[in-house]
Amino acid sequence: MEAKDLYSYFLESTGVATDSRQIEKGTLFICLRGEHFNGNKFAAEALEKGASYVVVDDLEYFKKDKRHILVKDSLKSLQALAHHHRMQFSIPVIGLTGSNGKTTTKELINSVLSQQFNTTATVGNLNNHIGVPLTLLNINSKTAIALIEMGANHLKEIELLAAIAAPTLGYITNFGKAHLEGFGSIEGVIQGKSELYQFLAKNSGVCLINSADSKQVAGTLNQEIFSFGTSSSATVTIQDIDRGADENIVILAEETKIISQLKGAYNFTNIAAAVAFGNYFEIPIAKIKKGIEAYNPTNNRSQWHTTDSNTLVLDAYNANPSSMKSALESFFSSKKEDQVLILGDMLELGPFTDEEHQKIVDLIETKNIKETLLIGPEFNKTKTSTSGFKKFDNTTSAIPYLQKKNFQNKTILIKGSRGIALEVLKDYL
């Protein structure tokens, strides 16, 4: 079935779902398959729950009635449907990718743009080959700007997502040591993320770049750019000014002081990008300021918590060598007394795993940190030459130690990959 034919069913529906638990009356349910699941099994259940139609790609679950739609590949049909829908709108579509800071930057940009425009943006981090199409299908007649986050851990993934979303503008937050197992090297990361630049170049799109990032500058030669940075040569000049007593990031743009709710020096660029997008769309600086200052990080991303006993820097949503190093350097520079580190393994590094975990330990050993908890089998393999390191196989095994230790009046950085689930430890701090 062609996308344009499936589109008529979509227009009759109240929306698309790929999870039978999210079925509402009138939903178009698309049955997806994976290595360990077959969504076709839930086709009948979806109809019982009120779905208007089900899209199946398994003959075993297909019934010859008007509510069952048979296709060769449900995932490809979802992607084609999303692209067809996106192309019905002649609106700016922003594609956003990068190794670190994608979701925080996306939320900041959305907070700024929504001060003046109706936006449709990626919810959470639904940024893969399924999440991107679902976000695109949320675009409606009221949408003035769409903001699409794109994640990838292999070459050609951004190429695919860009082809589906057809962005008119793009921004790559940075090129870091993330998903090295899939990309193979930092050069692979640069090549993979730059697939967004290549799409924009072929389709007369605009690249927003950080003028201080030489890789971004080199990757966008001979194509239209809109730059930001601390240099006066940038299209938009933004200054990182003195931190307040609480160390929130404070910037100066168009002679306006903007006090964010974000901490950590690495967030300066994320904020600056949001200001630049606001400037690109000619949003008054007062509204840009309102958008930045309204954003409060959630979901374990650079969140500062004050408990009855300690101050926690909870950054346990994800981790890779680049983001781990940035978080540590920012934490060290804060000059807080009685600092403690709780670090979890960095996943998906492939053959670079041992080397990158050891580099993090070596960095810590150059600092005056009295206690560091290393959690996970990869950090357990590292070698330490100084005292103060405690190693645990997993998060659960660290709990009895924290209960006995009973940290008081400490500033504690909690940083690790999502799979390590370090956030459960905050209840013991």
Foldseek 3Di string as FASTA:
>chain_A
DALVVVLVLQVQAPAEDADLVPADARYEYQWADDPPDTSLVCQVVSVVRHHQAYEHADPVSADPDPRYHYDPHSLVSLLRNLLVLLVVDPAAEEEEEEQPDGVVLQQLLCLLVVLPAAEQEQDDPLAFSNSLSRSSRPDDPRHRYYYGYHYDLAAPRVLSSCSSNVHQEYEYLYQDLALCLHLVDSVSSLNRVLSNLVSNQVVLHEYEYEPVHVSRVVSNPPHHYQYEECDPPHNWHKAFDDADPVQFTWIAGPNDIAGAQAHAPSCVSSLRSSVSSSVVVPNDVVSSSVSRRPDDDDDQCQDWDDDPFEIERGHAAADDLVVLVRRVVRVVVVPDPQEEEEEEAHPNNPPCLLVSLQVSLVVCVVDDHQAYEYEDPNNVPHDHDDDRYHYYHALVRCQVVLQVVVHGHYYYYYYHGNVRVNVVCVVSD
